[in-house]
């Protein structure tokens, strides 16, 4: 992601770092933003580190965006066309909710977080949908063989999906869950 940023925004100062060890001085930033990656961090170390680099009143902002899998046909695509039981749907939804839960700790340096949800539709080709599948941690952490079968099952399901337009695109319902808290 750093390489993409450096390529697309040449004037940006791009440095290597991680939420638990941010290469910046104390109180250097007005905001720290994390997009669809907070579930990878060690919150116990990341929360105080983010607080360290923020100025008072600065924001920790977290985003989770992607296809809206609360919609049945979108969920079916990402399940490879499998019909899921109500119990399995609840388990998937609970896992996603858990990934969107932020533990600021008992002595949080942050205010009570604000939350918003934004929705839109985005035309996507079959190739874009299949490419998107490979960006999610569930696919990234699979063995190569399991990931290949996962993508193949989604591809087979797309062969039967009537929502694909004649130009090969699909109006994919998207959502972004936004979360932010200010440093006290």
C-alpha atoms as a PDB file:
ATOM      1  CA  UNK A   1       0.000   0.000   0.000  1.00  0.00           C
ATOM      2  CA  UNK A   2       2.917   2.340   0.665  1.00  0.00           C
ATOM      3  CA  UNK A   3       4.147   1.774  -2.903  1.00  0.00           C
ATOM      4  CA  UNK A   4       0.702   2.581  -4.308  1.00  0.00           C
ATOM      5  CA  UNK A   5       0.536   5.778  -2.243  1.00  0.00           C
ATOM      6  CA  UNK A   6       4.038   6.844  -3.274  1.00  0.00           C
ATOM      7  CA  UNK A   7       3.203   6.177  -6.924  1.00  0.00           C
ATOM      8  CA  UNK A   8      -0.139   7.985  -6.904  1.00  0.00           C
ATOM      9  CA  UNK A   9       0.813  10.886  -4.622  1.00  0.00           C
ATOM     10  CA  UNK A  10       4.489  11.623  -5.294  1.00  0.00           C
ATOM     11  CA  UNK A  11       4.532  14.634  -2.951  1.00  0.00           C
ATOM     12  CA  UNK A  12       3.424  12.472   0.016  1.00  0.00           C
ATOM     13  CA  UNK A  13       6.072  11.578   2.573  1.00  0.00           C
ATOM     14  CA  UNK A  14       5.770   7.809   2.779  1.00  0.00           C
ATOM     15  CA  UNK A  15       7.399   6.000   5.709  1.00  0.00           C
ATOM     16  CA  UNK A  16       7.352   2.417   6.916  1.00  0.00           C
ATOM     17  CA  UNK A  17       5.566   1.869  10.187  1.00  0.00           C
ATOM     18  CA  UNK A  18       2.812   0.024  11.980  1.00  0.00           C
ATOM     19  CA  UNK A  19       0.093   1.002  14.408  1.00  0.00           C
ATOM     20  CA  UNK A  20       2.099  -0.345  17.346  1.00  0.00           C
ATOM     21  CA  UNK A  21       5.274   1.575  16.385  1.00  0.00           C
ATOM     22  CA  UNK A  22       4.548   4.801  14.500  1.00  0.00           C
ATOM     23  CA  UNK A  23       7.746   6.526  13.313  1.00  0.00           C
ATOM     24  CA  UNK A  24       6.699  10.033  14.381  1.00  0.00           C
ATOM     25  CA  UNK A  25       7.258  12.505  17.174  1.00  0.00           C
ATOM     26  CA  UNK A  26       4.829  12.906  20.061  1.00  0.00           C
ATOM     27  CA  UNK A  27       1.843  15.118  19.187  1.00  0.00           C
ATOM     28  CA  UNK A  28       2.736  15.315  15.482  1.00  0.00           C
ATOM     29  CA  UNK A  29      -0.616  14.603  13.840  1.00  0.00           C
ATOM     30  CA  UNK A  30      -4.184  15.862  13.768  1.00  0.00           C
ATOM     31  CA  UNK A  31      -5.504  12.475  12.643  1.00  0.00           C
ATOM     32  CA  UNK A  32      -4.560   8.832  12.298  1.00  0.00           C
ATOM     33  CA  UNK A  33      -6.687   6.933   9.797  1.00  0.00           C
ATOM     34  CA  UNK A  34      -6.808   3.172   9.359  1.00  0.00           C
ATOM     35  CA  UNK A  35      -8.804   1.682   6.489  1.00  0.00           C
ATOM     36  CA  UNK A  36      -9.985  -1.932   6.693  1.00  0.00           C
ATOM     37  CA  UNK A  37      -6.937  -3.002   8.695  1.00  0.00           C
ATOM     38  CA  UNK A  38      -7.609  -2.404  12.397  1.00  0.00           C
ATOM     39  CA  UNK A  39      -8.292  -6.124  12.909  1.00  0.00           C
ATOM     40  CA  UNK A  40      -4.591  -6.761  12.199  1.00  0.00           C
ATOM     41  CA  UNK A  41      -3.289  -4.571  15.039  1.00  0.00           C
ATOM     42  CA  UNK A  42      -2.514  -5.322  18.668  1.00  0.00           C
ATOM     43  CA  UNK A  43      -4.962  -2.850  20.243  1.00  0.00           C
ATOM     44  CA  UNK A  44      -3.271  -2.972  23.626  1.00  0.00           C
ATOM     45  CA  UNK A  45      -0.122  -1.498  22.033  1.00  0.00           C
ATOM     46  CA  UNK A  46      -1.692   0.460  19.161  1.00  0.00           C
ATOM     47  CA  UNK A  47      -4.138   2.608  21.160  1.00  0.00           C
ATOM     48  CA  UNK A  48      -1.474   4.260  23.365  1.00  0.00           C
ATOM     49  CA  UNK A  49       0.866   4.589  20.369  1.00  0.00           C
ATOM     50  CA  UNK A  50      -1.788   6.370  18.302  1.00  0.00           C
ATOM     51  CA  UNK A  51      -2.560   8.609  21.306  1.00  0.00           C
ATOM     52  CA  UNK A  52       1.160   9.409  21.588  1.00  0.00           C
ATOM     53  CA  UNK A  53       1.436  10.759  18.025  1.00  0.00           C
ATOM     54  CA  UNK A  54      -1.850  12.704  18.081  1.00  0.00           C
ATOM     55  CA  UNK A  55      -2.216  16.302  19.191  1.00  0.00           C
ATOM     56  CA  UNK A  56      -4.898  16.913  21.868  1.00  0.00           C
ATOM     57  CA  UNK A  57      -8.261  16.832  20.116  1.00  0.00           C
ATOM     58  CA  UNK A  58      -6.779  14.770  17.255  1.00  0.00           C
ATOM     59  CA  UNK A  59      -8.813  11.953  15.768  1.00  0.00           C
ATOM     60  CA  UNK A  60      -8.336   8.220  15.518  1.00  0.00           C
ATOM     61  CA  UNK A  61     -10.499   7.345  12.508  1.00  0.00           C
ATOM     62  CA  UNK A  62     -11.209   3.805  11.381  1.00  0.00           C
ATOM     63  CA  UNK A  63     -12.992   2.717   8.217  1.00  0.00           C
ATOM     64  CA  UNK A  64     -14.257  -0.636   7.040  1.00  0.00           C
ATOM     65  CA  UNK A  65     -15.537  -0.662   3.479  1.00  0.00           C
ATOM     66  CA  UNK A  66     -16.581  -3.223   0.931  1.00  0.00           C
ATOM     67  CA  UNK A  67     -19.570  -4.999  -0.558  1.00  0.00           C
ATOM     68  CA  UNK A  68     -22.633  -4.946   1.684  1.00  0.00           C
ATOM     69  CA  UNK A  69     -22.837  -8.590   2.724  1.00  0.00           C
ATOM     70  CA  UNK A  70     -25.944  -7.967   4.800  1.00  0.00           C
ATOM     71  CA  UNK A  71     -27.802  -8.219   1.461  1.00  0.00           C
ATOM     72  CA  UNK A  72     -28.631 -11.859   0.717  1.00  0.00           C
ATOM     73  CA  UNK A  73     -27.494 -12.021  -2.927  1.00  0.00           C
ATOM     74  CA  UNK A  74     -24.208 -10.226  -2.107  1.00  0.00           C
ATOM     75  CA  UNK A  75     -23.619 -12.639   0.779  1.00  0.00           C
ATOM     76  CA  UNK A  76     -24.305 -15.531  -1.621  1.00  0.00           C
ATOM     77  CA  UNK A  77     -21.671 -14.275  -4.067  1.00  0.00           C
ATOM     78  CA  UNK A  78     -19.003 -14.130  -1.378  1.00  0.00           C
ATOM     79  CA  UNK A  79     -20.108 -17.530  -0.048  1.00  0.00           C
ATOM     80  CA  UNK A  80     -19.477 -18.977  -3.510  1.00  0.00           C
ATOM     81  CA  UNK A  81     -23.152 -19.506  -4.204  1.00  0.00           C
ATOM     82  CA  UNK A  82     -23.720 -21.624  -1.129  1.00  0.00           C
ATOM     83  CA  UNK A  83     -27.024 -21.229   0.629  1.00  0.00           C
ATOM     84  CA  UNK A  84     -26.196 -20.448   4.213  1.00  0.00           C
ATOM     85  CA  UNK A  85     -28.279 -21.492   7.185  1.00  0.00           C
ATOM     86  CA  UNK A  86     -29.612 -18.819   9.499  1.00  0.00           C
ATOM     87  CA  UNK A  87     -27.082 -19.977  12.098  1.00  0.00           C
ATOM     88  CA  UNK A  88     -24.180 -19.645   9.631  1.00  0.00           C
ATOM     89  CA  UNK A  89     -25.362 -16.183   8.553  1.00  0.00           C
ATOM     90  CA  UNK A  90     -25.517 -15.099  12.202  1.00  0.00           C
ATOM     91  CA  UNK A  91     -22.031 -16.514  12.813  1.00  0.00           C
ATOM     92  CA  UNK A  92     -20.624 -14.607   9.800  1.00  0.00           C
ATOM     93  CA  UNK A  93     -22.379 -11.412  10.832  1.00  0.00           C
ATOM     94  CA  UNK A  94     -21.158 -11.791  14.426  1.00  0.00           C
ATOM     95  CA  UNK A  95     -17.590 -12.278  13.194  1.00  0.00           C
ATOM     96  CA  UNK A  96     -17.833  -9.114  11.067  1.00  0.00           C
ATOM     97  CA  UNK A  97     -19.316  -7.156  13.982  1.00  0.00           C
ATOM     98  CA  UNK A  98     -16.457  -8.374  16.176  1.00  0.00           C
ATOM     99  CA  UNK A  99     -13.919  -7.161  13.606  1.00  0.00           C
ATOM    100  CA  UNK A 100     -15.580  -3.737  13.747  1.00  0.00           C
ATOM    101  CA  UNK A 101     -15.391  -3.542  17.526  1.00  0.00           C
ATOM    102  CA  UNK A 102     -12.635  -1.368  18.904  1.00  0.00           C
ATOM    103  CA  UNK A 103     -11.313  -1.894  22.404  1.00  0.00           C
ATOM    104  CA  UNK A 104      -9.833   1.395  23.612  1.00  0.00           C
ATOM    105  CA  UNK A 105      -9.051  -0.067  27.027  1.00  0.00           C
ATOM    106  CA  UNK A 106     -10.340   0.757  30.523  1.00  0.00           C
ATOM    107  CA  UNK A 107      -8.345   4.006  30.842  1.00  0.00           C
ATOM    108  CA  UNK A 108      -9.007   5.211  27.317  1.00  0.00           C
ATOM    109  CA  UNK A 109      -7.310   8.433  26.255  1.00  0.00           C
ATOM    110  CA  UNK A 110     -10.119   8.873  23.696  1.00  0.00           C
ATOM    111  CA  UNK A 111     -13.667  10.203  23.840  1.00  0.00           C
ATOM    112  CA  UNK A 112     -16.683   7.987  23.241  1.00  0.00           C
ATOM    113  CA  UNK A 113     -16.506   7.043  19.546  1.00  0.00           C
ATOM    114  CA  UNK A 114     -18.875   8.274  16.863  1.00  0.00           C
ATOM    115  CA  UNK A 115     -20.141   5.782  14.272  1.00  0.00           C
ATOM    116  CA  UNK A 116     -21.683   6.284  10.829  1.00  0.00           C
ATOM    117  CA  UNK A 117     -22.569   4.003   7.946  1.00  0.00           C
ATOM    118  CA  UNK A 118     -22.561   5.112   4.311  1.00  0.00           C
ATOM    119  CA  UNK A 119     -24.000   3.122   1.405  1.00  0.00           C
ATOM    120  CA  UNK A 120     -23.704   3.369  -2.359  1.00  0.00           C
ATOM    121  CA  UNK A 121     -23.615   1.134  -5.437  1.00  0.00           C
ATOM    122  CA  UNK A 122     -20.582   0.611  -7.605  1.00  0.00           C
ATOM    123  CA  UNK A 123     -20.503  -1.048 -11.024  1.00  0.00           C
ATOM    124  CA  UNK A 124     -18.044  -3.941 -10.926  1.00  0.00           C
ATOM    125  CA  UNK A 125     -16.956  -6.390 -13.583  1.00  0.00           C
ATOM    126  CA  UNK A 126     -16.596 -10.085 -12.919  1.00  0.00           C
ATOM    127  CA  UNK A 127     -12.795  -9.663 -12.885  1.00  0.00           C
ATOM    128  CA  UNK A 128     -13.063  -6.841 -10.337  1.00  0.00           C
ATOM    129  CA  UNK A 129     -15.299  -8.932  -8.079  1.00  0.00           C
ATOM    130  CA  UNK A 130     -12.913 -11.888  -8.252  1.00  0.00           C
ATOM    131  CA  UNK A 131      -9.941  -9.588  -7.654  1.00  0.00           C
ATOM    132  CA  UNK A 132     -11.663  -8.052  -4.643  1.00  0.00           C
ATOM    133  CA  UNK A 133     -12.158 -11.496  -3.099  1.00  0.00           C
ATOM    134  CA  UNK A 134      -8.398 -11.933  -2.869  1.00  0.00           C
ATOM    135  CA  UNK A 135      -7.948  -8.766  -0.821  1.00  0.00           C
ATOM    136  CA  UNK A 136      -9.896  -9.989   2.209  1.00  0.00           C
ATOM    137  CA  UNK A 137      -8.092 -11.548   5.153  1.00  0.00           C
ATOM    138  CA  UNK A 138     -10.289 -14.638   4.978  1.00  0.00           C
ATOM    139  CA  UNK A 139      -8.819 -15.348   1.514  1.00  0.00           C
ATOM    140  CA  UNK A 140      -5.323 -14.044   2.262  1.00  0.00           C
ATOM    141  CA  UNK A 141      -4.958 -16.442   5.200  1.00  0.00           C
ATOM    142  CA  UNK A 142      -6.168 -19.514   3.239  1.00  0.00           C
ATOM    143  CA  UNK A 143      -3.751 -22.002   1.748  1.00  0.00           C
ATOM    144  CA  UNK A 144      -3.137 -21.417  -1.965  1.00  0.00           C
ATOM    145  CA  UNK A 145      -5.299 -24.426  -2.873  1.00  0.00           C
ATOM    146  CA  UNK A 146      -8.162 -23.342  -0.606  1.00  0.00           C
ATOM    147  CA  UNK A 147      -7.985 -19.756  -1.927  1.00  0.00           C
ATOM    148  CA  UNK A 148      -8.058 -21.018  -5.523  1.00  0.00           C
ATOM    149  CA  UNK A 149     -11.147 -23.133  -4.809  1.00  0.00           C
ATOM    150  CA  UNK A 150     -12.810 -20.227  -2.950  1.00  0.00           C
ATOM    151  CA  UNK A 151     -12.326 -17.890  -5.921  1.00  0.00           C
ATOM    152  CA  UNK A 152     -13.406 -20.645  -8.350  1.00  0.00           C
ATOM    153  CA  UNK A 153     -16.627 -21.228  -6.382  1.00  0.00           C
ATOM    154  CA  UNK A 154     -17.407 -17.503  -6.547  1.00  0.00           C
ATOM    155  CA  UNK A 155     -16.644 -17.513 -10.276  1.00  0.00           C
ATOM    156  CA  UNK A 156     -19.009 -20.457 -10.814  1.00  0.00           C
ATOM    157  CA  UNK A 157     -21.714 -18.663  -8.856  1.00  0.00           C
ATOM    158  CA  UNK A 158     -21.263 -15.514 -10.951  1.00  0.00           C
ATOM    159  CA  UNK A 159     -21.926 -17.679 -14.049  1.00  0.00           C
ATOM    160  CA  UNK A 160     -25.458 -18.181 -12.735  1.00  0.00           C
ATOM    161  CA  UNK A 161     -26.034 -14.680 -11.361  1.00  0.00           C
ATOM    162  CA  UNK A 162     -28.837 -12.903 -13.221  1.00  0.00           C
ATOM    163  CA  UNK A 163     -27.861  -9.456 -11.910  1.00  0.00           C
ATOM    164  CA  UNK A 164     -24.870  -9.264 -14.276  1.00  0.00           C
ATOM    165  CA  UNK A 165     -25.764  -6.721 -16.962  1.00  0.00           C
ATOM    166  CA  UNK A 166     -25.233  -7.348 -20.659  1.00  0.00           C
ATOM    167  CA  UNK A 167     -21.972  -5.383 -20.435  1.00  0.00           C
ATOM    168  CA  UNK A 168     -20.716  -7.811 -17.766  1.00  0.00           C
ATOM    169  CA  UNK A 169     -21.046  -5.404 -14.850  1.00  0.00           C
ATOM    170  CA  UNK A 170     -22.967  -5.719 -11.652  1.00  0.00           C
ATOM    171  CA  UNK A 171     -24.233  -2.859  -9.478  1.00  0.00           C
ATOM    172  CA  UNK A 172     -22.544  -3.966  -6.288  1.00  0.00           C
ATOM    173  CA  UNK A 173     -24.108  -2.536  -3.116  1.00  0.00           C
ATOM    174  CA  UNK A 174     -21.248  -1.128  -1.039  1.00  0.00           C
ATOM    175  CA  UNK A 175     -21.015   0.152   2.510  1.00  0.00           C
ATOM    176  CA  UNK A 176     -18.476   1.944   4.639  1.00  0.00           C
ATOM    177  CA  UNK A 177     -18.588   1.756   8.409  1.00  0.00           C
ATOM    178  CA  UNK A 178     -16.895   4.817   9.854  1.00  0.00           C
ATOM    179  CA  UNK A 179     -15.685   5.090  13.434  1.00  0.00           C
ATOM    180  CA  UNK A 180     -13.828   7.954  15.075  1.00  0.00           C
ATOM    181  CA  UNK A 181     -12.814   9.090  18.544  1.00  0.00           C
ATOM    182  CA  UNK A 182     -10.977  12.237  19.644  1.00  0.00           C
ATOM    183  CA  UNK A 183      -7.949  12.275  21.863  1.00  0.00           C
ATOM    184  CA  UNK A 184      -8.913  13.878  25.181  1.00  0.00           C
END
